């Protein structure tokens, strides 16, 4: 059986490698597979390859342009909890229930003092998400996007990666910008420029909203930022936090510097009063957004904290300890780790789980020297 659509895509792979991206872009445009979202620009100071800085008009995708298309041609379900734009009674009831419930978690948000009860029924709760990942040649790349808190699947679902975890993040996010670290100018002025464009738009959408034509009537939809989330490097740069791994005070959500102590007499449990300000003197544009000034609304990404952070290190340490206790057979740490992985792989297969890990090895566990096999081995682990 030959699928003509897949066959046309397969033909693209027969050309030269360095023309692959160009061929794919031409195919997507030729087949009409693009969304009519205009590429806008914002003034930005970036670093030049040869040194120094220059001012450019940097490409971005504005949230208001996304909203005009989604609420207009696309029907609005992506932003309105699965309801069509003309179903004002349906989506307004969703947000009418959301905002009183959210008040118990964040009663000081600006929406409760600056928006009427009726306006809240037409206000979309939104998160700003940023992530400084790795691009070509492992060069850091900062991705910024917007994420609806109430997904298109309805208010009974969590807006993570669609109904199936394997779905692409484009099913839940609206891309704003892509900024390689090679473009970063000194003193974070490039990053502030991107966030200035975001802040300006979020302020406008909160205060005045976006008016769309629905049949013979017009409706105005507002947007409220309830949290900014991302990995630690992103949130520190975005808000100019003086907390961090290299600082005495690690976390902006915790008042004390003794982050390791969680006991009943720890600073975390005995501290009285409001948390000290975690911000540097330099002002972040995102703090001017309604709902953006409170540091409690800066949320570190749980996946980076747990899956790629202390959770990963804890699992690695536990496996190495079990090896040293002789729980896995073998005369060397390598053979023991191989046996441990085989058992893990068998468990995954029996439990219907999948893992991206292909093996257990010291390099993956960040171990720089050969651990001993006594009861209390001395590991040397990279920070």
Protein backbone atom coordinates (compact mmCIF):
# COMPACT_ATOMS: atom_id res chain seq x y z
CA UNK A 1 0.00 0.00 0.00
CA UNK A 2 1.42 3.36 -1.03
CA UNK A 3 0.28 6.52 0.71
CA UNK A 4 0.63 9.35 -1.82
CA UNK A 5 1.08 11.98 0.91
CA UNK A 6 3.87 10.04 2.62
CA UNK A 7 5.41 9.30 -0.77
CA UNK A 8 5.66 13.02 -1.55
CA UNK A 9 7.38 13.62 1.79
CA UNK A 10 9.74 10.68 1.23
CA UNK A 11 10.90 12.20 -2.05
CA UNK A 12 12.30 15.15 -0.09
CA UNK A 13 14.93 12.87 1.44
CA UNK A 14 16.47 12.02 -1.91
CA UNK A 15 18.12 15.41 -2.37
CA UNK A 16 21.34 16.72 -0.92
CA UNK A 17 21.53 16.93 2.85
CA UNK A 18 22.30 20.66 2.98
CA UNK A 19 19.11 21.37 0.98
CA UNK A 20 16.83 19.30 3.23
CA UNK A 21 15.44 22.19 5.29
CA UNK A 22 14.80 24.34 2.21
CA UNK A 23 13.05 21.48 0.42
CA UNK A 24 10.83 20.76 3.43
CA UNK A 25 9.90 24.43 3.83
CA UNK A 26 8.95 24.69 0.15
CA UNK A 27 6.87 21.52 0.40
CA UNK A 28 4.96 22.74 3.48
CA UNK A 29 4.17 26.09 1.86
CA UNK A 30 3.31 24.54 -1.51
CA UNK A 31 0.86 22.08 0.05
CA UNK A 32 -0.83 24.79 2.11
CA UNK A 33 0.08 23.22 5.45
CA UNK A 34 1.02 26.48 7.19
CA UNK A 35 -1.12 28.56 9.53
CA UNK A 36 -1.71 32.17 8.45
CA UNK A 37 0.05 33.65 11.49
CA UNK A 38 2.06 36.71 10.41
CA UNK A 39 5.70 36.88 11.46
CA UNK A 40 6.11 40.18 13.29
CA UNK A 41 9.29 41.86 14.50
CA UNK A 42 10.43 43.67 17.61
CA UNK A 43 13.45 45.98 18.04
CA UNK A 44 16.25 44.00 19.64
CA UNK A 45 19.93 44.46 20.42
CA UNK A 46 21.89 41.29 19.65
CA UNK A 47 25.54 40.29 19.64
CA UNK A 48 27.43 40.19 16.36
CA UNK A 49 29.60 37.24 15.37
CA UNK A 50 32.73 39.34 15.12
CA UNK A 51 32.14 41.08 18.44
CA UNK A 52 30.11 44.07 19.49
CA UNK A 53 26.36 44.53 19.23
CA UNK A 54 23.86 45.66 16.63
CA UNK A 55 20.19 46.67 16.59
CA UNK A 56 17.87 44.50 14.49
CA UNK A 57 14.18 43.84 13.98
CA UNK A 58 13.94 40.34 15.43
CA UNK A 59 11.17 37.94 14.28
CA UNK A 60 8.48 36.92 16.78
CA UNK A 61 4.96 35.47 16.71
CA UNK A 62 2.67 37.79 18.67
CA UNK A 63 0.08 36.33 21.01
CA UNK A 64 -2.57 38.71 19.65
CA UNK A 65 -2.00 37.35 16.12
CA UNK A 66 -2.37 33.79 17.39
CA UNK A 67 -5.61 34.79 19.14
CA UNK A 68 -7.06 36.55 16.08
CA UNK A 69 -6.62 33.43 13.99
CA UNK A 70 -7.70 30.91 16.64
CA UNK A 71 -10.77 32.87 17.78
CA UNK A 72 -11.66 33.68 14.17
CA UNK A 73 -10.94 31.13 11.45
CA UNK A 74 -9.98 28.23 13.74
CA UNK A 75 -13.13 28.35 15.87
CA UNK A 76 -11.56 29.21 19.22
CA UNK A 77 -11.51 25.74 20.81
CA UNK A 78 -7.76 25.84 21.48
CA UNK A 79 -8.11 28.89 23.74
CA UNK A 80 -11.66 28.45 25.03
CA UNK A 81 -11.47 25.07 26.77
CA UNK A 82 -12.84 23.21 23.74
CA UNK A 83 -15.77 25.56 23.14
CA UNK A 84 -16.43 27.38 19.87
CA UNK A 85 -16.16 31.16 19.86
CA UNK A 86 -19.90 31.54 19.26
CA UNK A 87 -20.59 29.34 22.33
CA UNK A 88 -20.16 32.25 24.72
CA UNK A 89 -22.33 30.60 27.36
CA UNK A 90 -20.14 27.49 27.30
CA UNK A 91 -16.67 28.99 27.68
CA UNK A 92 -17.80 31.81 29.96
CA UNK A 93 -19.14 29.20 32.41
CA UNK A 94 -15.74 27.46 32.37
CA UNK A 95 -13.89 30.65 33.31
CA UNK A 96 -16.64 31.63 35.73
CA UNK A 97 -15.83 28.44 37.64
CA UNK A 98 -12.06 28.73 37.20
CA UNK A 99 -11.41 32.16 38.72
CA UNK A 100 -13.21 31.62 42.07
CA UNK A 101 -11.39 28.30 42.43
CA UNK A 102 -8.05 29.90 41.58
CA UNK A 103 -8.67 32.61 44.18
CA UNK A 104 -8.12 30.08 46.97
CA UNK A 105 -4.60 29.49 45.60
CA UNK A 106 -3.72 33.10 44.72
CA UNK A 107 -6.12 35.64 46.27
CA UNK A 108 -3.80 38.60 45.62
CA UNK A 109 -3.82 38.36 41.82
CA UNK A 110 -4.64 41.62 40.05
CA UNK A 111 -7.64 40.12 38.27
CA UNK A 112 -9.71 40.18 41.47
CA UNK A 113 -9.30 43.94 41.92
CA UNK A 114 -9.03 45.17 38.33
CA UNK A 115 -11.61 43.02 36.54
CA UNK A 116 -15.32 42.74 37.22
CA UNK A 117 -16.99 39.38 37.78
CA UNK A 118 -18.45 39.54 34.27
CA UNK A 119 -15.07 40.35 32.70
CA UNK A 120 -13.47 37.38 34.45
CA UNK A 121 -15.89 35.10 32.59
CA UNK A 122 -14.17 36.24 29.39
CA UNK A 123 -10.60 36.17 30.71
CA UNK A 124 -8.29 33.35 29.61
CA UNK A 125 -5.77 32.23 32.27
CA UNK A 126 -2.37 31.89 30.65
CA UNK A 127 1.17 30.86 31.56
CA UNK A 128 4.39 32.10 30.02
CA UNK A 129 6.82 29.24 29.48
CA UNK A 130 10.51 29.54 28.73
CA UNK A 131 13.21 26.96 28.31
CA UNK A 132 16.88 27.35 27.50
CA UNK A 133 17.47 24.08 25.69
CA UNK A 134 20.21 22.92 23.34
CA UNK A 135 20.24 23.45 19.60
CA UNK A 136 22.70 22.70 16.81
CA UNK A 137 26.19 21.85 18.13
CA UNK A 138 24.67 22.00 21.66
CA UNK A 139 24.45 25.81 21.53
CA UNK A 140 21.88 27.01 24.11
CA UNK A 141 18.64 28.23 22.56
CA UNK A 142 15.95 30.10 24.49
CA UNK A 143 12.39 29.19 23.53
CA UNK A 144 9.47 31.31 24.77
CA UNK A 145 5.85 30.30 24.35
CA UNK A 146 2.40 30.70 25.85
CA UNK A 147 0.36 27.92 27.43
CA UNK A 148 -3.35 27.89 28.23
CA UNK A 149 -4.07 26.69 31.75
CA UNK A 150 -7.45 25.23 30.72
CA UNK A 151 -6.74 23.02 27.68
CA UNK A 152 -8.80 22.45 24.55
CA UNK A 153 -9.71 19.02 25.95
CA UNK A 154 -11.78 20.68 28.67
CA UNK A 155 -11.48 21.79 32.28
CA UNK A 156 -11.24 18.20 33.56
CA UNK A 157 -7.84 17.73 31.88
CA UNK A 158 -4.35 19.05 32.58
CA UNK A 159 -2.70 20.97 29.75
CA UNK A 160 0.57 19.04 29.48
CA UNK A 161 1.17 17.21 26.20
CA UNK A 162 -2.30 16.47 24.91
CA UNK A 163 -4.44 13.39 25.69
CA UNK A 164 -1.38 11.21 25.00
CA UNK A 165 1.95 12.13 26.57
CA UNK A 166 3.72 11.38 23.29
CA UNK A 167 2.05 14.27 21.48
CA UNK A 168 4.07 17.28 20.41
CA UNK A 169 4.21 20.38 22.59
CA UNK A 170 2.67 22.32 19.69
CA UNK A 171 -0.60 20.67 20.80
CA UNK A 172 -0.54 22.77 23.98
CA UNK A 173 1.76 25.77 23.35
CA UNK A 174 1.78 28.89 21.19
CA UNK A 175 5.31 29.71 20.10
CA UNK A 176 6.53 33.28 20.58
CA UNK A 177 10.26 33.36 19.81
CA UNK A 178 13.45 31.36 19.37
CA UNK A 179 16.67 33.05 20.48
CA UNK A 180 20.10 31.33 20.18
CA UNK A 181 22.56 32.10 22.97
CA UNK A 182 25.03 33.27 20.31
CA UNK A 183 22.77 36.33 19.94
CA UNK A 184 22.82 37.26 23.65
CA UNK A 185 24.19 40.77 24.16
CA UNK A 186 25.86 41.65 27.50
CA UNK A 187 23.83 42.42 30.63
CA UNK A 188 20.80 40.44 29.40
CA UNK A 189 19.60 43.32 27.20
CA UNK A 190 18.63 40.90 24.43
CA UNK A 191 16.55 38.75 26.76
CA UNK A 192 14.95 41.87 28.26
CA UNK A 193 14.07 43.01 24.74
CA UNK A 194 12.16 39.79 24.05
CA UNK A 195 10.37 40.04 27.38
CA UNK A 196 9.55 43.72 26.80
CA UNK A 197 7.62 42.70 23.68
CA UNK A 198 5.84 39.97 25.66
CA UNK A 199 5.06 42.30 28.57
CA UNK A 200 3.69 45.04 26.32
CA UNK A 201 1.29 42.60 24.69
CA UNK A 202 0.17 40.92 27.92
CA UNK A 203 -0.59 44.31 29.49
CA UNK A 204 -2.68 45.31 26.46
CA UNK A 205 -4.59 42.01 26.43
CA UNK A 206 -5.27 42.24 30.17
CA UNK A 207 -6.44 45.84 30.17
CA UNK A 208 -8.26 46.14 26.83
CA UNK A 209 -8.55 42.58 25.56
CA UNK A 210 -9.03 41.45 21.98
CA UNK A 211 -12.34 42.06 20.21
CA UNK A 212 -13.47 39.52 17.61
CA UNK A 213 -16.52 39.36 15.37
CA UNK A 214 -18.78 36.39 16.06
CA UNK A 215 -21.69 36.31 13.65
CA UNK A 216 -23.57 39.56 14.02
CA UNK A 217 -22.03 40.49 17.38
CA UNK A 218 -18.63 41.31 18.84
CA UNK A 219 -17.07 39.80 21.95
CA UNK A 220 -14.01 40.96 23.86
CA UNK A 221 -11.71 38.32 25.32
CA UNK A 222 -9.06 39.17 27.93
CA UNK A 223 -5.87 37.38 28.99
CA UNK A 224 -4.40 37.13 32.51
CA UNK A 225 -0.91 35.84 33.27
CA UNK A 226 -1.06 33.59 36.33
CA UNK A 227 2.47 32.15 36.28
CA UNK A 228 5.81 32.14 34.49
CA UNK A 229 7.47 28.75 34.40
CA UNK A 230 10.61 27.26 32.97
CA UNK A 231 13.96 25.76 33.82
CA UNK A 232 16.16 27.48 36.40
CA UNK A 233 18.47 29.30 33.93
CA UNK A 234 15.44 30.79 32.18
CA UNK A 235 13.53 32.06 35.22
CA UNK A 236 16.71 33.57 36.71
CA UNK A 237 17.46 35.50 33.52
CA UNK A 238 13.84 36.42 32.83
CA UNK A 239 13.25 38.01 36.25
CA UNK A 240 16.82 38.98 37.20
CA UNK A 241 16.76 36.79 40.29
CA UNK A 242 19.69 37.05 42.67
CA UNK A 243 19.01 33.49 43.85
CA UNK A 244 20.56 30.50 42.13
CA UNK A 245 22.91 27.53 42.36
CA UNK A 246 25.96 29.75 42.87
CA UNK A 247 24.24 32.02 45.42
CA UNK A 248 23.91 31.65 49.17
CA UNK A 249 20.15 31.66 48.77
CA UNK A 250 19.31 28.97 46.22
CA UNK A 251 15.54 29.25 45.72
CA UNK A 252 13.46 32.42 45.34
CA UNK A 253 10.48 30.61 46.91
CA UNK A 254 12.36 29.81 50.14
CA UNK A 255 13.28 32.45 52.77
CA UNK A 256 16.45 30.89 54.17
CA UNK A 257 19.86 29.99 52.81
CA UNK A 258 20.02 26.62 54.59
CA UNK A 259 18.24 24.87 51.72
CA UNK A 260 19.40 21.41 52.83
CA UNK A 261 17.68 21.60 56.24
CA UNK A 262 14.01 20.56 56.16
CA UNK A 263 13.75 19.68 59.86
CA UNK A 264 11.19 21.09 62.33
CA UNK A 265 13.62 23.79 63.52
CA UNK A 266 14.84 24.77 60.04
CA UNK A 267 14.69 28.30 58.64
CA UNK A 268 12.12 27.08 56.13
CA UNK A 269 9.67 26.14 58.89
CA UNK A 270 10.41 28.80 61.51
CA UNK A 271 10.79 31.90 59.32
CA UNK A 272 8.16 34.56 60.06
CA UNK A 273 6.95 37.29 57.75
CA UNK A 274 7.12 37.68 54.00
CA UNK A 275 9.95 36.20 51.98
CA UNK A 276 12.83 38.60 51.30
CA UNK A 277 12.80 39.97 47.77
CA UNK A 278 14.74 37.68 45.41
CA UNK A 279 15.13 40.32 42.70
CA UNK A 280 18.24 42.18 41.66
CA UNK A 281 18.17 45.95 41.34
CA UNK A 282 17.73 45.64 37.58
CA UNK A 283 14.01 45.61 36.77
CA UNK A 284 12.58 42.84 34.61
CA UNK A 285 9.95 43.88 32.03
CA UNK A 286 7.82 40.90 33.06
CA UNK A 287 7.29 42.41 36.51
CA UNK A 288 5.20 45.18 34.92
CA UNK A 289 2.63 42.64 33.69
CA UNK A 290 -0.50 42.35 35.88
CA UNK A 291 0.23 39.28 37.96
CA UNK A 292 3.94 39.28 37.13
CA UNK A 293 5.40 41.14 40.12
CA UNK A 294 4.84 38.44 42.74
CA UNK A 295 7.87 36.08 42.96
CA UNK A 296 5.56 33.27 44.08
CA UNK A 297 4.21 33.19 40.52
CA UNK A 298 7.66 32.31 39.15
CA UNK A 299 7.46 28.54 38.96
CA UNK A 300 10.50 26.30 38.27
CA UNK A 301 9.71 23.47 35.90
CA UNK A 302 9.13 20.28 37.90
CA UNK A 303 10.54 18.15 35.10
CA UNK A 304 13.89 19.94 35.29
CA UNK A 305 13.92 19.86 39.10
CA UNK A 306 12.96 16.20 39.46
CA UNK A 307 13.49 14.23 36.23
CA UNK A 308 16.68 16.02 35.20
CA UNK A 309 17.70 17.24 38.66
CA UNK A 310 17.83 15.74 42.13
CA UNK A 311 15.51 12.88 41.19
CA UNK A 312 17.89 11.69 38.49
CA UNK A 313 20.89 11.97 40.83
CA UNK A 314 19.00 10.15 43.59
CA UNK A 315 18.20 7.23 41.28
CA UNK A 316 21.79 7.07 40.03
CA UNK A 317 23.17 7.10 43.59
CA UNK A 318 20.74 4.35 44.63
CA UNK A 319 21.75 2.10 41.72
CA UNK A 320 25.45 2.58 42.48
CA UNK A 321 24.89 1.84 46.15
CA UNK A 322 23.05 -1.38 45.27
CA UNK A 323 25.98 -2.35 43.04
CA UNK A 324 28.41 -1.82 45.91
CA UNK A 325 26.17 -3.85 48.23
CA UNK A 326 26.37 -6.75 45.79
CA UNK A 327 22.71 -6.73 44.77
CA UNK A 328 23.73 -7.10 41.11
CA UNK A 329 26.18 -9.88 40.11
CA UNK A 330 29.50 -9.14 38.47
CA UNK A 331 33.17 -8.66 39.23
CA UNK A 332 33.27 -5.08 37.94
CA UNK A 333 31.03 -2.04 38.19
CA UNK A 334 30.42 -2.21 34.44
CA UNK A 335 29.04 -5.76 34.51
CA UNK A 336 26.93 -4.90 37.56
CA UNK A 337 25.44 -1.87 35.81
CA UNK A 338 24.75 -4.01 32.74
CA UNK A 339 22.84 -6.50 34.86
CA UNK A 340 20.96 -3.68 36.60
CA UNK A 341 19.93 -2.25 33.24
CA UNK A 342 18.80 -5.66 31.96
CA UNK A 343 16.54 -6.03 35.00
CA UNK A 344 15.24 -2.49 34.49
CA UNK A 345 14.61 -3.16 30.79
CA UNK A 346 12.74 -6.38 31.59
CA UNK A 347 10.56 -4.55 34.10
CA UNK A 348 9.75 -1.85 31.53
CA UNK A 349 8.75 -4.48 28.96
CA UNK A 350 6.54 -6.35 31.43
CA UNK A 351 4.93 -3.14 32.73
CA UNK A 352 4.33 -1.57 29.32
CA UNK A 353 6.74 1.28 30.02
CA UNK A 354 9.33 2.88 27.74
CA UNK A 355 12.63 4.58 28.53
CA UNK A 356 15.04 6.66 26.50
CA UNK A 357 17.97 5.08 28.38
CA UNK A 358 19.93 2.56 26.32
CA UNK A 359 22.26 1.49 29.13
CA UNK A 360 23.48 2.27 32.64
CA UNK A 361 27.01 3.64 32.66
CA UNK A 362 29.18 5.83 34.88
CA UNK A 363 29.17 8.68 32.36
CA UNK A 364 25.37 8.82 32.41
CA UNK A 365 25.47 8.85 36.22
CA UNK A 366 27.98 11.77 36.23
CA UNK A 367 30.62 9.64 37.99
CA UNK A 368 34.13 10.82 37.10
CA UNK A 369 36.14 8.14 38.94
CA UNK A 370 35.80 4.41 39.47
CA UNK A 371 33.81 3.79 42.67
CA UNK A 372 34.98 1.16 45.08
CA UNK A 373 32.89 -1.87 45.98
CA UNK A 374 33.04 -1.57 49.76
CA UNK A 375 30.05 -0.74 51.90
CA UNK A 376 30.86 2.99 51.96
CA UNK A 377 32.47 3.85 48.60
CA UNK A 378 33.79 7.33 47.99
CA UNK A 379 32.16 8.63 44.84
CA UNK A 380 33.41 11.66 42.98
CA UNK A 381 30.40 13.13 41.24
CA UNK A 382 30.37 16.22 39.06
CA UNK A 383 28.28 19.10 40.32
